[in-house]
């Protein structure tokens, strides 16, 4: 059984999930870019399509990427920190289940050679960067992580307050980041 089949049939954390396991990801060994996010939301769980919600719309806008490019697995792999919808907590979705990244990420990455990994949000950045910086510090210094990584905040509408307080992100950093992403898609 190949890695995609193994992940698709994973039930390791089923007792911690609100619904039956339904791993949601997109993967190809030849993808130039890997997007590492948190975990699928309820709409992604229901549609079985990654980033199929308001966060996904904003993410594609931030990346200046069409739906057809974003969902082309030969260009973009989408690997969440938690592959299944983790359920709802007091102030939004629960954090991604910790089992997934530990179990699957190294296998996926060892079988591919992406030119860029886009780390979305604190969970992905903490796991891969391990530099003890805050999300804001990382974003202010986003170029320090190139060429291997591009760091982004989570595009959730819940982060609108952060985006308002840090208008420089969308006004200054994001246009430069779009050029980086575009370079890897050519």
N, C-alpha and C. Protein backbone atom coordinates (compact mmCIF):
# COMPACT_ATOMS: atom_id res chain seq x y z
N UNK A 1 0.85 -1.18 0.00
CA UNK A 1 0.00 0.00 0.00
C UNK A 1 0.90 1.25 0.00
N UNK A 2 0.63 2.19 -0.89
CA UNK A 2 1.45 3.40 -0.95
C UNK A 2 1.06 4.37 0.17
N UNK A 3 1.86 5.41 0.32
CA UNK A 3 1.68 6.36 1.43
C UNK A 3 0.32 7.06 1.38
N UNK A 4 -0.15 7.41 0.20
CA UNK A 4 -1.44 8.08 0.07
C UNK A 4 -2.56 7.15 0.55
N UNK A 5 -2.51 5.90 0.16
CA UNK A 5 -3.52 4.92 0.61
C UNK A 5 -3.46 4.71 2.11
N UNK A 6 -2.24 4.63 2.63
CA UNK A 6 -2.10 4.43 4.08
C UNK A 6 -2.72 5.59 4.86
N UNK A 7 -2.43 6.81 4.44
CA UNK A 7 -3.01 7.98 5.13
C UNK A 7 -4.51 8.01 4.95
N UNK A 8 -4.98 7.73 3.75
CA UNK A 8 -6.42 7.77 3.47
C UNK A 8 -7.21 6.79 4.34
N UNK A 9 -6.56 5.72 4.77
CA UNK A 9 -7.23 4.70 5.59
C UNK A 9 -6.84 4.77 7.07
N UNK A 10 -6.14 5.82 7.45
CA UNK A 10 -5.68 5.94 8.84
C UNK A 10 -6.87 6.13 9.79
N UNK A 11 -6.82 5.41 10.90
CA UNK A 11 -7.85 5.55 11.94
C UNK A 11 -7.21 5.69 13.32
N UNK A 12 -5.94 6.07 13.34
CA UNK A 12 -5.16 6.07 14.59
C UNK A 12 -5.81 6.86 15.72
N UNK A 13 -6.40 7.99 15.44
CA UNK A 13 -6.94 8.82 16.53
C UNK A 13 -8.47 8.87 16.52
N UNK A 14 -9.11 7.85 15.95
CA UNK A 14 -10.56 7.87 15.79
C UNK A 14 -11.33 8.11 17.09
N UNK A 15 -10.79 7.63 18.21
CA UNK A 15 -11.51 7.80 19.48
C UNK A 15 -11.51 9.26 19.97
N UNK A 16 -10.68 10.10 19.36
CA UNK A 16 -10.60 11.50 19.75
C UNK A 16 -11.37 12.43 18.81
N UNK A 17 -11.95 11.88 17.76
CA UNK A 17 -12.61 12.69 16.74
C UNK A 17 -14.12 12.71 16.92
N UNK A 18 -14.77 13.81 16.52
CA UNK A 18 -16.23 13.89 16.66
C UNK A 18 -16.97 13.08 15.59
N UNK A 19 -16.29 12.78 14.48
CA UNK A 19 -16.87 12.01 13.38
C UNK A 19 -15.88 10.91 13.00
N UNK A 20 -16.32 10.01 12.16
CA UNK A 20 -15.42 8.96 11.67
C UNK A 20 -14.23 9.62 10.97
N UNK A 21 -13.05 9.03 11.08
CA UNK A 21 -11.87 9.60 10.42
C UNK A 21 -12.10 9.79 8.92
N UNK A 22 -11.68 10.94 8.44
CA UNK A 22 -11.80 11.26 7.02
C UNK A 22 -10.59 12.12 6.65
N UNK A 23 -9.41 11.52 6.52
CA UNK A 23 -8.21 12.30 6.23
C UNK A 23 -8.37 13.12 4.94
N UNK A 24 -8.03 14.39 5.05
CA UNK A 24 -8.17 15.30 3.93
C UNK A 24 -6.81 15.91 3.63
N UNK A 25 -6.31 15.60 2.46
CA UNK A 25 -5.01 16.11 2.03
C UNK A 25 -4.93 15.97 0.52
N UNK A 26 -3.87 16.53 -0.03
CA UNK A 26 -3.61 16.47 -1.47
C UNK A 26 -2.11 16.28 -1.60
N UNK A 27 -1.69 15.25 -2.33
CA UNK A 27 -0.27 14.96 -2.35
C UNK A 27 0.19 14.40 -3.68
N UNK A 28 1.34 14.88 -4.11
CA UNK A 28 2.05 14.32 -5.26
C UNK A 28 3.54 14.47 -5.00
N UNK A 29 4.29 13.48 -5.35
CA UNK A 29 5.75 13.54 -5.16
C UNK A 29 6.40 14.63 -6.00
N UNK A 30 5.73 15.07 -7.06
CA UNK A 30 6.33 16.06 -7.96
C UNK A 30 5.89 17.49 -7.69
N UNK A 31 5.02 17.70 -6.72
CA UNK A 31 4.54 19.06 -6.42
C UNK A 31 5.72 19.98 -6.06
N UNK A 32 5.69 21.17 -6.59
CA UNK A 32 6.75 22.16 -6.33
C UNK A 32 6.58 22.84 -4.98
N UNK A 33 5.33 22.91 -4.52
CA UNK A 33 5.01 23.60 -3.28
C UNK A 33 4.21 22.67 -2.38
N UNK A 34 4.55 22.65 -1.10
CA UNK A 34 3.75 21.94 -0.10
C UNK A 34 3.19 22.98 0.86
N UNK A 35 1.88 22.94 1.01
CA UNK A 35 1.21 23.82 1.97
C UNK A 35 0.95 22.99 3.22
N UNK A 36 1.49 23.46 4.34
CA UNK A 36 1.28 22.77 5.62
C UNK A 36 0.39 23.67 6.47
N UNK A 37 -0.83 23.22 6.70
CA UNK A 37 -1.78 24.00 7.49
C UNK A 37 -2.06 23.34 8.82
N UNK A 38 -3.20 23.67 9.41
CA UNK A 38 -3.55 23.14 10.73
C UNK A 38 -4.28 21.82 10.60
N UNK A 39 -5.59 21.88 10.41
CA UNK A 39 -6.43 20.70 10.25
C UNK A 39 -7.66 21.14 9.47
N UNK A 40 -8.32 20.22 8.78
CA UNK A 40 -9.51 20.60 8.04
C UNK A 40 -10.60 21.13 8.96
N UNK A 41 -11.34 22.10 8.47
CA UNK A 41 -12.52 22.59 9.19
C UNK A 41 -13.71 21.72 8.85
N UNK A 42 -14.85 22.06 9.42
CA UNK A 42 -16.06 21.25 9.22
C UNK A 42 -16.49 21.25 7.75
N UNK A 43 -16.38 22.39 7.05
CA UNK A 43 -16.78 22.42 5.63
C UNK A 43 -15.87 21.54 4.78
N UNK A 44 -14.59 21.56 5.07
CA UNK A 44 -13.66 20.68 4.35
C UNK A 44 -13.99 19.22 4.66
N UNK A 45 -14.31 18.94 5.92
CA UNK A 45 -14.68 17.57 6.30
C UNK A 45 -15.91 17.12 5.51
N UNK A 46 -16.91 17.99 5.45
CA UNK A 46 -18.16 17.63 4.78
C UNK A 46 -17.98 17.46 3.27
N UNK A 47 -17.16 18.29 2.66
CA UNK A 47 -16.97 18.24 1.20
C UNK A 47 -15.80 17.34 0.79
N UNK A 48 -14.98 16.97 1.76
CA UNK A 48 -13.75 16.20 1.53
C UNK A 48 -12.81 16.92 0.57
N UNK A 49 -12.73 18.26 0.73
CA UNK A 49 -11.86 19.09 -0.08
C UNK A 49 -11.14 20.07 0.84
N UNK A 50 -9.83 20.01 0.85
CA UNK A 50 -9.02 20.86 1.72
C UNK A 50 -9.26 22.34 1.43
N UNK A 51 -9.25 23.13 2.48
CA UNK A 51 -9.37 24.59 2.39
C UNK A 51 -10.64 25.01 1.63
N UNK A 52 -11.71 24.27 1.81
CA UNK A 52 -12.96 24.57 1.13
C UNK A 52 -13.88 25.38 2.05
N UNK A 53 -13.42 26.58 2.40
CA UNK A 53 -14.16 27.44 3.30
C UNK A 53 -13.65 28.87 3.17
N UNK A 54 -14.09 29.75 4.05
CA UNK A 54 -13.67 31.16 3.99
C UNK A 54 -12.16 31.30 4.15
N UNK A 55 -11.56 30.48 4.99
CA UNK A 55 -10.10 30.52 5.15
C UNK A 55 -9.40 30.16 3.84
N UNK A 56 -9.92 29.18 3.14
CA UNK A 56 -9.33 28.76 1.87
C UNK A 56 -9.45 29.83 0.79
N UNK A 57 -10.59 30.51 0.78
CA UNK A 57 -10.76 31.60 -0.19
C UNK A 57 -9.72 32.68 0.07
N UNK A 58 -9.57 33.06 1.34
CA UNK A 58 -8.57 34.08 1.67
C UNK A 58 -7.16 33.59 1.37
N UNK A 59 -6.86 32.33 1.67
CA UNK A 59 -5.53 31.80 1.40
C UNK A 59 -5.21 31.87 -0.09
N UNK A 60 -6.15 31.47 -0.93
CA UNK A 60 -5.91 31.53 -2.38
C UNK A 60 -5.73 32.98 -2.84
N UNK A 61 -6.47 33.90 -2.23
CA UNK A 61 -6.27 35.33 -2.55
C UNK A 61 -4.88 35.77 -2.12
N UNK A 62 -4.47 35.41 -0.91
CA UNK A 62 -3.14 35.78 -0.41
C UNK A 62 -2.05 35.24 -1.34
N UNK A 63 -2.23 34.02 -1.82
CA UNK A 63 -1.22 33.40 -2.67
C UNK A 63 -1.36 33.82 -4.13
N UNK A 64 -2.42 34.60 -4.42
CA UNK A 64 -2.70 35.03 -5.79
C UNK A 64 -2.80 33.80 -6.71
N UNK A 65 -3.60 32.84 -6.25
CA UNK A 65 -3.66 31.54 -6.90
C UNK A 65 -5.11 31.17 -7.24
N UNK A 66 -5.32 30.71 -8.44
CA UNK A 66 -6.66 30.26 -8.84
C UNK A 66 -6.99 28.93 -8.17
N UNK A 67 -8.27 28.61 -8.13
CA UNK A 67 -8.69 27.31 -7.60
C UNK A 67 -8.05 26.18 -8.39
N UNK A 68 -7.99 26.33 -9.72
CA UNK A 68 -7.45 25.24 -10.54
C UNK A 68 -5.96 25.01 -10.27
N UNK A 69 -5.22 26.06 -9.98
CA UNK A 69 -3.80 25.89 -9.62
C UNK A 69 -3.69 25.31 -8.23
N UNK A 70 -4.44 25.86 -7.28
CA UNK A 70 -4.37 25.43 -5.89
C UNK A 70 -4.70 23.95 -5.74
N UNK A 71 -5.70 23.48 -6.48
CA UNK A 71 -6.12 22.09 -6.35
C UNK A 71 -5.47 21.17 -7.39
N UNK A 72 -4.43 21.63 -8.04
CA UNK A 72 -3.67 20.79 -8.96
C UNK A 72 -2.56 20.11 -8.16
N UNK A 73 -2.75 18.84 -7.85
CA UNK A 73 -1.81 18.16 -6.95
C UNK A 73 -0.43 18.00 -7.57
N UNK A 74 -0.30 18.15 -8.86
CA UNK A 74 1.04 18.08 -9.46
C UNK A 74 1.83 19.36 -9.21
N UNK A 75 1.14 20.42 -8.82
CA UNK A 75 1.79 21.69 -8.48
C UNK A 75 1.85 21.91 -6.97
N UNK A 76 0.75 21.58 -6.29
CA UNK A 76 0.59 21.89 -4.87
C UNK A 76 0.20 20.64 -4.09
N UNK A 77 0.98 20.33 -3.07
CA UNK A 77 0.55 19.31 -2.10
C UNK A 77 0.02 20.05 -0.88
N UNK A 78 -1.02 19.52 -0.29
CA UNK A 78 -1.63 20.11 0.90
C UNK A 78 -1.58 19.06 2.00
N UNK A 79 -0.75 19.35 3.00
CA UNK A 79 -0.52 18.40 4.08
C UNK A 79 -0.80 19.09 5.41
N UNK A 80 -1.93 18.81 6.03
CA UNK A 80 -2.23 19.45 7.30
C UNK A 80 -1.46 18.82 8.46
N UNK A 81 -1.36 19.55 9.55
CA UNK A 81 -0.74 19.00 10.76
C UNK A 81 -1.61 17.88 11.32
N UNK A 82 -2.91 18.02 11.20
CA UNK A 82 -3.87 16.98 11.56
C UNK A 82 -4.73 16.72 10.33
N UNK A 83 -4.84 15.49 9.89
CA UNK A 83 -5.49 15.19 8.62
C UNK A 83 -7.02 15.14 8.70
N UNK A 84 -7.57 15.02 9.90
CA UNK A 84 -9.02 14.93 10.06
C UNK A 84 -9.54 16.12 10.87
N UNK A 85 -10.81 16.42 10.66
CA UNK A 85 -11.45 17.49 11.43
C UNK A 85 -11.41 17.12 12.91
N UNK A 86 -10.80 17.98 13.75
CA UNK A 86 -10.61 17.63 15.17
C UNK A 86 -11.82 17.90 16.06
N UNK A 87 -12.80 18.63 15.56
CA UNK A 87 -13.95 18.99 16.38
C UNK A 87 -13.90 20.44 16.80
N UNK A 88 -14.94 20.86 17.47
CA UNK A 88 -15.10 22.25 17.86
C UNK A 88 -14.78 22.42 19.34
N UNK A 89 -14.10 23.52 19.66
CA UNK A 89 -13.79 23.87 21.03
C UNK A 89 -14.56 25.11 21.44
N UNK A 90 -14.18 25.72 22.55
CA UNK A 90 -14.87 26.90 23.07
C UNK A 90 -14.74 28.11 22.16
N UNK A 91 -13.58 28.26 21.53
CA UNK A 91 -13.36 29.46 20.72
C UNK A 91 -12.94 29.13 19.29
N UNK A 92 -13.51 28.09 18.73
CA UNK A 92 -13.18 27.68 17.36
C UNK A 92 -12.86 26.21 17.32
N UNK A 93 -12.30 25.79 16.21
CA UNK A 93 -11.95 24.37 16.07
C UNK A 93 -10.85 24.01 17.05
N UNK A 94 -10.85 22.75 17.46
CA UNK A 94 -9.80 22.24 18.34
C UNK A 94 -8.47 22.21 17.59
N UNK A 95 -7.36 22.15 18.31
CA UNK A 95 -6.06 22.04 17.64
C UNK A 95 -5.96 20.74 16.84
N UNK A 96 -5.06 20.71 15.86
CA UNK A 96 -4.88 19.46 15.12
C UNK A 96 -4.40 18.34 16.04
N UNK A 97 -4.83 17.14 15.75
CA UNK A 97 -4.38 15.98 16.53
C UNK A 97 -2.86 15.84 16.34
N UNK A 98 -2.11 15.61 17.41
CA UNK A 98 -0.65 15.55 17.32
C UNK A 98 -0.12 14.27 16.65
N UNK A 99 -0.94 13.25 16.56
CA UNK A 99 -0.47 11.97 16.00
C UNK A 99 -0.10 12.08 14.52
N UNK A 100 -0.85 12.87 13.78
CA UNK A 100 -0.72 12.89 12.32
C UNK A 100 0.66 13.33 11.83
N UNK A 101 1.09 14.50 12.25
CA UNK A 101 2.38 15.01 11.75
C UNK A 101 3.51 14.05 12.11
N UNK A 102 3.49 13.56 13.35
CA UNK A 102 4.55 12.63 13.79
C UNK A 102 4.54 11.36 12.96
N UNK A 103 3.37 10.89 12.63
CA UNK A 103 3.27 9.61 11.91
C UNK A 103 3.51 9.74 10.41
N UNK A 104 3.05 10.83 9.78
CA UNK A 104 3.02 10.87 8.32
C UNK A 104 3.95 11.88 7.64
N UNK A 105 4.25 13.00 8.27
CA UNK A 105 4.96 14.06 7.56
C UNK A 105 6.33 13.64 7.04
N UNK A 106 7.12 12.97 7.84
CA UNK A 106 8.47 12.61 7.38
C UNK A 106 8.41 11.67 6.17
N UNK A 107 7.46 10.76 6.15
CA UNK A 107 7.32 9.86 4.99
C UNK A 107 6.93 10.64 3.74
N UNK A 108 5.99 11.54 3.89
CA UNK A 108 5.57 12.34 2.73
C UNK A 108 6.72 13.19 2.20
N UNK A 109 7.43 13.83 3.11
CA UNK A 109 8.52 14.72 2.68
C UNK A 109 9.71 13.94 2.13
N UNK A 110 9.96 12.75 2.64
CA UNK A 110 11.09 11.98 2.13
C UNK A 110 10.83 11.46 0.72
N UNK A 111 9.57 11.40 0.33
CA UNK A 111 9.21 10.95 -1.02
C UNK A 111 9.04 12.09 -2.01
N UNK A 112 9.27 13.31 -1.58
CA UNK A 112 9.07 14.45 -2.47
C UNK A 112 10.23 15.43 -2.31
N UNK A 113 10.34 16.33 -3.23
CA UNK A 113 11.39 17.35 -3.20
C UNK A 113 10.79 18.71 -3.52
N UNK A 114 9.94 19.21 -2.64
CA UNK A 114 9.33 20.52 -2.93
C UNK A 114 10.38 21.62 -2.92
N UNK A 115 10.13 22.63 -3.71
CA UNK A 115 11.03 23.78 -3.72
C UNK A 115 10.67 24.77 -2.62
N UNK A 116 9.43 24.69 -2.14
CA UNK A 116 8.97 25.61 -1.11
C UNK A 116 7.92 24.93 -0.25
N UNK A 117 8.02 25.13 1.07
CA UNK A 117 6.97 24.70 1.99
C UNK A 117 6.35 25.95 2.60
N UNK A 118 5.05 26.08 2.46
CA UNK A 118 4.33 27.20 3.03
C UNK A 118 3.75 26.74 4.36
N UNK A 119 4.22 27.34 5.43
CA UNK A 119 3.80 26.96 6.78
C UNK A 119 2.74 27.95 7.25
N UNK A 120 1.52 27.47 7.39
CA UNK A 120 0.40 28.33 7.72
C UNK A 120 0.02 28.17 9.18
N UNK A 121 0.17 29.25 9.91
CA UNK A 121 -0.24 29.27 11.31
C UNK A 121 0.81 28.73 12.27
N UNK A 122 0.51 28.92 13.53
CA UNK A 122 1.44 28.61 14.61
C UNK A 122 1.78 27.12 14.73
N UNK A 123 0.79 26.25 14.57
CA UNK A 123 1.06 24.81 14.73
C UNK A 123 2.09 24.31 13.73
N UNK A 124 1.92 24.66 12.46
CA UNK A 124 2.86 24.23 11.42
C UNK A 124 4.23 24.87 11.64
N UNK A 125 4.24 26.14 11.98
CA UNK A 125 5.51 26.85 12.17
C UNK A 125 6.26 26.33 13.39
N UNK A 126 5.56 26.11 14.47
CA UNK A 126 6.23 25.58 15.67
C UNK A 126 6.83 24.20 15.39
N UNK A 127 6.11 23.37 14.67
CA UNK A 127 6.57 22.01 14.39
C UNK A 127 7.82 22.01 13.51
N UNK A 128 7.81 22.82 12.47
CA UNK A 128 8.92 22.80 11.51
C UNK A 128 10.07 23.74 11.86
N UNK A 129 9.78 24.87 12.45
CA UNK A 129 10.83 25.85 12.68
C UNK A 129 11.50 25.70 14.04
N UNK A 130 10.74 25.37 15.04
CA UNK A 130 11.27 25.16 16.39
C UNK A 130 12.22 26.27 16.83
N UNK A 131 11.83 27.52 16.57
CA UNK A 131 12.71 28.65 16.90
C UNK A 131 12.21 29.51 18.05
N UNK A 132 11.12 29.14 18.67
CA UNK A 132 10.59 29.82 19.87
C UNK A 132 10.17 31.27 19.61
N UNK A 133 10.01 31.66 18.36
CA UNK A 133 9.54 33.01 18.05
C UNK A 133 8.02 33.03 18.01
N UNK A 134 7.46 34.20 18.17
CA UNK A 134 6.02 34.35 18.04
C UNK A 134 5.67 34.37 16.55
N UNK A 135 4.41 34.18 16.27
CA UNK A 135 3.93 34.25 14.90
C UNK A 135 4.26 35.61 14.29
N UNK A 136 4.04 36.67 15.05
CA UNK A 136 4.30 38.02 14.55
C UNK A 136 5.79 38.22 14.26
N UNK A 137 6.64 37.74 15.13
CA UNK A 137 8.09 37.85 14.89
C UNK A 137 8.48 37.11 13.62
N UNK A 138 7.92 35.94 13.43
CA UNK A 138 8.23 35.17 12.23
C UNK A 138 7.78 35.90 10.97
N UNK A 139 6.59 36.47 11.03
CA UNK A 139 6.07 37.15 9.85
C UNK A 139 6.83 38.44 9.55
N UNK A 140 7.27 39.14 10.57
CA UNK A 140 8.08 40.34 10.34
C UNK A 140 9.41 39.98 9.68
N UNK A 141 9.90 38.79 9.96
CA UNK A 141 11.19 38.34 9.43
C UNK A 141 11.01 37.17 8.45
N UNK A 142 9.95 37.17 7.72
CA UNK A 142 9.58 36.03 6.87
C UNK A 142 10.67 35.66 5.87
N UNK A 143 11.43 36.62 5.41
CA UNK A 143 12.48 36.33 4.42
C UNK A 143 13.62 35.49 5.00
N UNK A 144 13.76 35.50 6.32
CA UNK A 144 14.80 34.70 6.97
C UNK A 144 14.60 33.20 6.77
N UNK A 145 13.37 32.78 6.48
CA UNK A 145 13.05 31.36 6.36
C UNK A 145 13.18 30.84 4.92
N UNK A 146 13.33 31.75 3.98
CA UNK A 146 13.52 31.36 2.59
C UNK A 146 14.92 30.79 2.40
N UNK A 147 15.17 29.93 1.46
CA UNK A 147 14.26 29.49 0.40
C UNK A 147 13.40 28.28 0.76
N UNK A 148 13.63 27.67 1.90
CA UNK A 148 12.90 26.44 2.23
C UNK A 148 11.45 26.69 2.64
N UNK A 149 11.23 27.74 3.43
CA UNK A 149 9.91 27.96 4.01
C UNK A 149 9.39 29.36 3.74
N UNK A 150 8.07 29.44 3.62
CA UNK A 150 7.37 30.71 3.60
C UNK A 150 6.35 30.63 4.73
N UNK A 151 6.35 31.61 5.62
CA UNK A 151 5.45 31.58 6.78
C UNK A 151 4.27 32.53 6.54
N UNK A 152 3.09 32.05 6.92
CA UNK A 152 1.87 32.85 6.81
C UNK A 152 1.06 32.70 8.09
N UNK A 153 0.28 33.72 8.43
CA UNK A 153 -0.68 33.53 9.52
C UNK A 153 -1.81 32.65 9.00
N UNK A 154 -2.61 32.13 9.89
CA UNK A 154 -3.77 31.38 9.41
C UNK A 154 -4.75 32.37 8.80
N UNK A 155 -5.32 32.06 7.64
CA UNK A 155 -6.22 33.00 6.97
C UNK A 155 -7.65 33.02 7.51
N UNK A 156 -7.88 32.43 8.64
CA UNK A 156 -9.21 32.38 9.23
C UNK A 156 -9.78 33.77 9.50
N UNK A 157 -11.08 33.94 9.30
CA UNK A 157 -11.70 35.22 9.69
C UNK A 157 -11.49 35.53 11.18
N UNK A 158 -11.19 34.51 11.99
CA UNK A 158 -10.91 34.74 13.41
C UNK A 158 -9.65 35.57 13.61
N UNK A 159 -8.81 35.66 12.58
CA UNK A 159 -7.57 36.43 12.67
C UNK A 159 -7.71 37.85 12.13
N UNK A 160 -8.93 38.30 11.91
CA UNK A 160 -9.13 39.65 11.39
C UNK A 160 -8.57 40.72 12.33
N UNK A 161 -8.65 40.50 13.62
CA UNK A 161 -8.11 41.47 14.59
C UNK A 161 -6.60 41.56 14.43
N UNK A 162 -5.92 40.41 14.32
CA UNK A 162 -4.47 40.42 14.12
C UNK A 162 -4.13 41.15 12.82
N UNK A 163 -4.87 40.86 11.76
CA UNK A 163 -4.61 41.49 10.47
C UNK A 163 -4.79 43.00 10.52
N UNK A 164 -5.79 43.47 11.27
CA UNK A 164 -6.00 44.92 11.42
C UNK A 164 -4.85 45.56 12.19
N UNK A 165 -4.41 44.90 13.24
CA UNK A 165 -3.31 45.43 14.06
C UNK A 165 -1.99 45.42 13.32
N UNK A 166 -1.86 44.53 12.35
CA UNK A 166 -0.61 44.35 11.62
C UNK A 166 -0.87 44.54 10.11
N UNK A 167 -1.37 45.71 9.77
CA UNK A 167 -1.74 46.01 8.37
C UNK A 167 -0.55 45.86 7.43
N UNK A 168 0.66 46.00 7.93
CA UNK A 168 1.86 45.85 7.12
C UNK A 168 1.92 44.48 6.44
N UNK A 169 1.31 43.48 7.07
CA UNK A 169 1.38 42.14 6.49
C UNK A 169 0.75 42.12 5.10
N UNK A 170 -0.50 42.58 4.99
CA UNK A 170 -1.17 42.55 3.69
C UNK A 170 -0.69 43.65 2.76
N UNK A 171 -0.25 44.77 3.32
CA UNK A 171 0.18 45.90 2.49
C UNK A 171 1.60 45.74 1.95
N UNK A 172 2.50 45.20 2.77
CA UNK A 172 3.91 45.14 2.37
C UNK A 172 4.44 43.72 2.17
N UNK A 173 4.25 42.87 3.15
CA UNK A 173 4.83 41.52 3.08
C UNK A 173 4.13 40.65 2.03
N UNK A 174 2.82 40.68 2.00
CA UNK A 174 2.08 39.78 1.13
C UNK A 174 2.40 39.97 -0.36
N UNK A 175 2.48 41.19 -0.89
CA UNK A 175 2.85 41.31 -2.31
C UNK A 175 4.22 40.70 -2.62
N UNK A 176 5.18 40.84 -1.72
CA UNK A 176 6.50 40.24 -1.93
C UNK A 176 6.40 38.71 -1.83
N UNK A 177 5.59 38.21 -0.91
CA UNK A 177 5.41 36.77 -0.78
C UNK A 177 4.76 36.18 -2.03
N UNK A 178 3.81 36.90 -2.62
CA UNK A 178 3.15 36.42 -3.83
C UNK A 178 4.17 36.24 -4.96
N UNK A 179 5.13 37.12 -5.04
CA UNK A 179 6.18 36.99 -6.06
C UNK A 179 7.02 35.73 -5.83
N UNK A 180 7.29 35.42 -4.59
CA UNK A 180 8.05 34.21 -4.26
C UNK A 180 7.26 32.98 -4.70
N UNK A 181 6.00 32.92 -4.34
CA UNK A 181 5.17 31.77 -4.69
C UNK A 181 5.06 31.64 -6.20
N UNK A 182 4.83 32.74 -6.87
CA UNK A 182 4.69 32.73 -8.34
C UNK A 182 5.95 32.19 -9.00
N UNK A 183 7.09 32.52 -8.48
CA UNK A 183 8.37 32.04 -9.03
C UNK A 183 8.43 30.51 -9.06
N UNK A 184 7.89 29.87 -8.02
CA UNK A 184 7.92 28.41 -7.95
C UNK A 184 6.86 27.73 -8.80
N UNK A 185 5.89 28.49 -9.27
CA UNK A 185 4.83 27.92 -10.09
C UNK A 185 5.13 28.03 -11.58
N UNK A 186 6.17 28.76 -11.94
CA UNK A 186 6.49 28.94 -13.37
C UNK A 186 7.26 27.76 -13.89
